[in-house]
Amino acid sequence: MNFSAIRHTLEELKDLLNQLSNEDFALPILYLGNSSVGEHTRHIIEMFQCLLNSYESGLLNYDDRKRNILIQTDTNFAIQSIDDIIKSIEIENKSIVLKQLLCKNYTVIETNYFRELLYNLEHCIHHQALIKVAVFQLGDIQLTETFGIAPSTIEYRKQCAQ
């Protein structure tokens, strides 16, 4: 498992948060349907937390997130939460059962920890792409060239440039 890709993506998010005031972090953004950078960040963090918190039991339900308002309003708390995730993700692969509510019925499927980590990575990148659109409204924010771009897209662009 390539844990470095996950760490790198989460570090990019931390770099952004270090540039934002709590006011900008919690500011509703028109282009995000009036959600904030903080709300998208909380969503990213809580998906990873949900996976990590479900590891021991082996039963994962992303719908059971805590939705901690402090994560979406306090950049320092969000950064600490990301650091906690980065410190915790490098564990063995194991089978997991995913339970998801779809159209008023639960669907249960077999998956594994590494597969769900990859899902969370792609999910994180997707939300970072949305966040990227929003931060242009906030002023002078510096993002890496790869912020919010899938690794496969980065590689494809490299091939096209040659």
C-alpha atoms as a PDB file:
ATOM      1  CA  MET A   1       0.000   0.000   0.000  1.00  0.00           C
ATOM      2  CA  ASN A   2       1.301   3.440  -0.915  1.00  0.00           C
ATOM      3  CA  PHE A   3       0.691   5.341   2.299  1.00  0.00           C
ATOM      4  CA  SER A   4       2.890   8.201   1.059  1.00  0.00           C
ATOM      5  CA  ALA A   5       0.243   9.280  -1.480  1.00  0.00           C
ATOM      6  CA  ILE A   6      -2.321   9.587   1.285  1.00  0.00           C
ATOM      7  CA  ARG A   7       0.092  11.441   3.558  1.00  0.00           C
ATOM      8  CA  HIS A   8       1.018  13.807   0.704  1.00  0.00           C
ATOM      9  CA  THR A   9      -2.608  14.623  -0.100  1.00  0.00           C
ATOM     10  CA  LEU A  10      -3.453  15.255   3.544  1.00  0.00           C
ATOM     11  CA  GLU A  11      -0.322  17.405   3.951  1.00  0.00           C
ATOM     12  CA  GLU A  12      -1.500  19.513   0.996  1.00  0.00           C
ATOM     13  CA  LEU A  13      -4.773  20.057   2.826  1.00  0.00           C
ATOM     14  CA  LYS A  14      -2.902  21.045   5.994  1.00  0.00           C
ATOM     15  CA  ASP A  15      -0.826  23.541   3.974  1.00  0.00           C
ATOM     16  CA  LEU A  16      -4.032  25.181   2.816  1.00  0.00           C
ATOM     17  CA  LEU A  17      -5.514  25.277   6.327  1.00  0.00           C
ATOM     18  CA  ASN A  18      -2.371  26.967   7.622  1.00  0.00           C
ATOM     19  CA  GLN A  19      -3.129  29.863   5.245  1.00  0.00           C
ATOM     20  CA  LEU A  20      -6.754  30.371   6.298  1.00  0.00           C
ATOM     21  CA  SER A  21      -8.217  32.307   9.180  1.00  0.00           C
ATOM     22  CA  ASN A  22     -11.004  30.591  11.089  1.00  0.00           C
ATOM     23  CA  GLU A  23     -13.363  33.167   9.577  1.00  0.00           C
ATOM     24  CA  ASP A  24     -12.406  32.261   5.999  1.00  0.00           C
ATOM     25  CA  PHE A  25     -12.441  28.566   6.881  1.00  0.00           C
ATOM     26  CA  ALA A  26     -16.070  28.777   8.081  1.00  0.00           C
ATOM     27  CA  LEU A  27     -17.265  31.283   5.465  1.00  0.00           C
ATOM     28  CA  PRO A  28     -20.169  30.040   3.306  1.00  0.00           C
ATOM     29  CA  ILE A  29     -19.004  30.003  -0.326  1.00  0.00           C
ATOM     30  CA  LEU A  30     -21.557  30.599  -3.055  1.00  0.00           C
ATOM     31  CA  TYR A  31     -19.708  28.319  -5.487  1.00  0.00           C
ATOM     32  CA  LEU A  32     -19.884  25.477  -2.940  1.00  0.00           C
ATOM     33  CA  GLY A  33     -23.653  25.762  -2.582  1.00  0.00           C
ATOM     34  CA  ASN A  34     -23.071  27.986   0.469  1.00  0.00           C
ATOM     35  CA  SER A  35     -21.055  25.325   2.260  1.00  0.00           C
ATOM     36  CA  SER A  36     -17.629  26.270   3.571  1.00  0.00           C
ATOM     37  CA  VAL A  37     -14.085  25.053   3.090  1.00  0.00           C
ATOM     38  CA  GLY A  38     -14.396  23.929   6.704  1.00  0.00           C
ATOM     39  CA  GLU A  39     -17.431  21.765   5.976  1.00  0.00           C
ATOM     40  CA  HIS A  40     -15.647  20.024   3.101  1.00  0.00           C
ATOM     41  CA  THR A  41     -12.571  19.577   5.269  1.00  0.00           C
ATOM     42  CA  ARG A  42     -14.659  18.104   8.088  1.00  0.00           C
ATOM     43  CA  HIS A  43     -16.234  15.682   5.636  1.00  0.00           C
ATOM     44  CA  ILE A  44     -12.810  14.517   4.437  1.00  0.00           C
ATOM     45  CA  ILE A  45     -11.471  14.120   7.970  1.00  0.00           C
ATOM     46  CA  GLU A  46     -14.517  12.308   9.301  1.00  0.00           C
ATOM     47  CA  MET A  47     -14.518   9.789   6.473  1.00  0.00           C
ATOM     48  CA  PHE A  48     -10.931   8.824   7.357  1.00  0.00           C
ATOM     49  CA  GLN A  49     -11.799   8.822  11.071  1.00  0.00           C
ATOM     50  CA  CYS A  50     -14.807   6.609  10.432  1.00  0.00           C
ATOM     51  CA  LEU A  51     -12.618   4.063   8.636  1.00  0.00           C
ATOM     52  CA  LEU A  52      -9.977   4.110  11.365  1.00  0.00           C
ATOM     53  CA  ASN A  53     -12.564   3.882  14.145  1.00  0.00           C
ATOM     54  CA  SER A  54     -14.180   0.889  12.425  1.00  0.00           C
ATOM     55  CA  TYR A  55     -10.922  -1.017  11.921  1.00  0.00           C
ATOM     56  CA  GLU A  56     -11.061  -3.001  15.160  1.00  0.00           C
ATOM     57  CA  SER A  57     -14.687  -4.128  14.803  1.00  0.00           C
ATOM     58  CA  GLY A  58     -14.414  -4.703  11.060  1.00  0.00           C
ATOM     59  CA  LEU A  59     -17.839  -3.110  10.488  1.00  0.00           C
ATOM     60  CA  LEU A  60     -17.749   0.178   8.574  1.00  0.00           C
ATOM     61  CA  ASN A  61     -20.645   2.565   8.055  1.00  0.00           C
ATOM     62  CA  TYR A  62     -19.681   5.979   6.680  1.00  0.00           C
ATOM     63  CA  ASP A  63     -23.160   7.280   7.537  1.00  0.00           C
ATOM     64  CA  ASP A  64     -22.241   7.051  11.244  1.00  0.00           C
ATOM     65  CA  ARG A  65     -19.873  10.024  11.183  1.00  0.00           C
ATOM     66  CA  LYS A  66     -19.871  12.349  14.203  1.00  0.00           C
ATOM     67  CA  ARG A  67     -20.127  15.596  12.246  1.00  0.00           C
ATOM     68  CA  ASN A  68     -17.997  17.530  14.735  1.00  0.00           C
ATOM     69  CA  ILE A  69     -18.597  21.260  14.186  1.00  0.00           C
ATOM     70  CA  LEU A  70     -15.212  22.126  15.735  1.00  0.00           C
ATOM     71  CA  ILE A  71     -13.442  20.456  12.792  1.00  0.00           C
ATOM     72  CA  GLN A  72     -15.177  22.793  10.341  1.00  0.00           C
ATOM     73  CA  THR A  73     -14.699  26.008  12.336  1.00  0.00           C
ATOM     74  CA  ASP A  74     -11.217  25.748  13.885  1.00  0.00           C
ATOM     75  CA  THR A  75      -8.294  25.285  11.507  1.00  0.00           C
ATOM     76  CA  ASN A  76      -5.935  24.249  14.320  1.00  0.00           C
ATOM     77  CA  PHE A  77      -8.316  21.511  15.447  1.00  0.00           C
ATOM     78  CA  ALA A  78      -8.720  20.346  11.836  1.00  0.00           C
ATOM     79  CA  ILE A  79      -4.928  20.257  11.377  1.00  0.00           C
ATOM     80  CA  GLN A  80      -4.522  18.243  14.587  1.00  0.00           C
ATOM     81  CA  SER A  81      -7.204  15.838  13.356  1.00  0.00           C
ATOM     82  CA  ILE A  82      -5.333  15.395  10.065  1.00  0.00           C
ATOM     83  CA  ASP A  83      -2.085  14.778  11.967  1.00  0.00           C
ATOM     84  CA  ASP A  84      -3.857  12.100  14.022  1.00  0.00           C
ATOM     85  CA  ILE A  85      -5.036  10.402  10.823  1.00  0.00           C
ATOM     86  CA  ILE A  86      -1.572  10.513   9.262  1.00  0.00           C
ATOM     87  CA  LYS A  87      -0.097   8.891  12.390  1.00  0.00           C
ATOM     88  CA  SER A  88      -2.738   6.137  12.409  1.00  0.00           C
ATOM     89  CA  ILE A  89      -3.244   4.965   8.816  1.00  0.00           C
ATOM     90  CA  GLU A  90      -0.242   2.670   8.437  1.00  0.00           C
ATOM     91  CA  ILE A  91      -1.786  -0.535   9.735  1.00  0.00           C
ATOM     92  CA  GLU A  92      -2.240  -3.997   8.249  1.00  0.00           C
ATOM     93  CA  ASN A  93      -4.827  -4.751   5.641  1.00  0.00           C
ATOM     94  CA  LYS A  94      -7.826  -6.722   6.867  1.00  0.00           C
ATOM     95  CA  SER A  95     -11.294  -7.663   5.701  1.00  0.00           C
ATOM     96  CA  ILE A  96     -14.042  -5.205   6.533  1.00  0.00           C
ATOM     97  CA  VAL A  97     -17.791  -5.253   6.049  1.00  0.00           C
ATOM     98  CA  LEU A  98     -19.215  -2.029   4.623  1.00  0.00           C
ATOM     99  CA  LYS A  99     -22.797  -1.170   5.539  1.00  0.00           C
ATOM    100  CA  GLN A 100     -24.409   1.626   3.542  1.00  0.00           C
ATOM    101  CA  LEU A 101     -27.953   3.007   3.552  1.00  0.00           C
ATOM    102  CA  LEU A 102     -29.243   3.272  -0.018  1.00  0.00           C
ATOM    103  CA  CYS A 103     -32.870   4.100  -0.892  1.00  0.00           C
ATOM    104  CA  LYS A 104     -34.096   3.310   2.645  1.00  0.00           C
ATOM    105  CA  ASN A 105     -32.397  -0.122   2.644  1.00  0.00           C
ATOM    106  CA  TYR A 106     -29.029  -1.177   3.934  1.00  0.00           C
ATOM    107  CA  THR A 107     -26.563  -2.703   1.516  1.00  0.00           C
ATOM    108  CA  VAL A 108     -23.789  -4.804   3.031  1.00  0.00           C
ATOM    109  CA  ILE A 109     -20.668  -5.719   1.051  1.00  0.00           C
ATOM    110  CA  GLU A 110     -17.257  -7.148   1.782  1.00  0.00           C
ATOM    111  CA  THR A 111     -14.287  -4.884   1.331  1.00  0.00           C
ATOM    112  CA  ASN A 112     -10.937  -4.365   3.028  1.00  0.00           C
ATOM    113  CA  TYR A 113      -8.990  -1.681   4.812  1.00  0.00           C
ATOM    114  CA  PHE A 114      -6.628  -0.898   1.912  1.00  0.00           C
ATOM    115  CA  ARG A 115      -9.507  -0.627  -0.568  1.00  0.00           C
ATOM    116  CA  GLU A 116     -11.286   1.796   1.738  1.00  0.00           C
ATOM    117  CA  LEU A 117      -8.102   3.831   2.206  1.00  0.00           C
ATOM    118  CA  LEU A 118      -7.923   4.213  -1.584  1.00  0.00           C
ATOM    119  CA  TYR A 119     -11.576   5.220  -1.637  1.00  0.00           C
ATOM    120  CA  ASN A 120     -10.877   7.842   1.021  1.00  0.00           C
ATOM    121  CA  LEU A 121      -7.886   9.138  -0.928  1.00  0.00           C
ATOM    122  CA  GLU A 122      -9.949   9.581  -4.090  1.00  0.00           C
ATOM    123  CA  HIS A 123     -12.790  11.080  -2.052  1.00  0.00           C
ATOM    124  CA  CYS A 124     -10.350  13.519  -0.417  1.00  0.00           C
ATOM    125  CA  ILE A 125      -8.957  14.599  -3.806  1.00  0.00           C
ATOM    126  CA  HIS A 126     -12.486  15.119  -5.129  1.00  0.00           C
ATOM    127  CA  HIS A 127     -13.337  17.433  -2.225  1.00  0.00           C
ATOM    128  CA  GLN A 128     -10.009  19.218  -2.568  1.00  0.00           C
ATOM    129  CA  ALA A 129     -10.946  19.980  -6.188  1.00  0.00           C
ATOM    130  CA  LEU A 130     -14.134  21.614  -4.902  1.00  0.00           C
ATOM    131  CA  ILE A 131     -12.187  23.468  -2.220  1.00  0.00           C
ATOM    132  CA  LYS A 132      -9.757  24.732  -4.879  1.00  0.00           C
ATOM    133  CA  VAL A 133     -12.615  26.491  -6.670  1.00  0.00           C
ATOM    134  CA  ALA A 134     -13.690  28.121  -3.415  1.00  0.00           C
ATOM    135  CA  VAL A 135     -10.310  29.383  -2.240  1.00  0.00           C
ATOM    136  CA  PHE A 136      -9.872  31.502  -5.351  1.00  0.00           C
ATOM    137  CA  GLN A 137     -12.684  33.619  -3.888  1.00  0.00           C
ATOM    138  CA  LEU A 138     -10.756  34.058  -0.634  1.00  0.00           C
ATOM    139  CA  GLY A 139      -7.770  35.918  -1.992  1.00  0.00           C
ATOM    140  CA  ASP A 140      -4.059  35.181  -2.052  1.00  0.00           C
ATOM    141  CA  ILE A 141      -3.932  31.457  -1.262  1.00  0.00           C
ATOM    142  CA  GLN A 142      -1.044  29.305  -2.451  1.00  0.00           C
ATOM    143  CA  LEU A 143      -1.872  25.749  -3.533  1.00  0.00           C
ATOM    144  CA  THR A 144       0.411  23.144  -5.017  1.00  0.00           C
ATOM    145  CA  GLU A 145      -0.077  22.277  -8.682  1.00  0.00           C
ATOM    146  CA  THR A 146      -1.385  18.848  -7.670  1.00  0.00           C
ATOM    147  CA  PHE A 147      -3.969  20.030  -5.110  1.00  0.00           C
ATOM    148  CA  GLY A 148      -7.312  18.457  -6.002  1.00  0.00           C
ATOM    149  CA  ILE A 149      -5.997  16.479  -8.969  1.00  0.00           C
ATOM    150  CA  ALA A 150      -6.121  12.688  -9.126  1.00  0.00           C
ATOM    151  CA  PRO A 151      -2.765  10.876  -9.433  1.00  0.00           C
ATOM    152  CA  SER A 152      -3.910   9.255 -12.694  1.00  0.00           C
ATOM    153  CA  THR A 153      -4.648  12.699 -14.160  1.00  0.00           C
ATOM    154  CA  ILE A 154      -1.234  13.973 -13.113  1.00  0.00           C
ATOM    155  CA  GLU A 155       0.447  11.013 -14.828  1.00  0.00           C
ATOM    156  CA  TYR A 156      -1.698  11.420 -17.937  1.00  0.00           C
ATOM    157  CA  ARG A 157      -0.762  15.087 -18.209  1.00  0.00           C
ATOM    158  CA  LYS A 158       2.925  14.190 -17.885  1.00  0.00           C
ATOM    159  CA  GLN A 159       2.592  11.735 -20.789  1.00  0.00           C
ATOM    160  CA  CYS A 160       0.799  14.321 -22.936  1.00  0.00           C
ATOM    161  CA  ALA A 161       3.532  16.877 -22.279  1.00  0.00           C
ATOM    162  CA  GLN A 162       6.237  14.595 -23.691  1.00  0.00           C
END
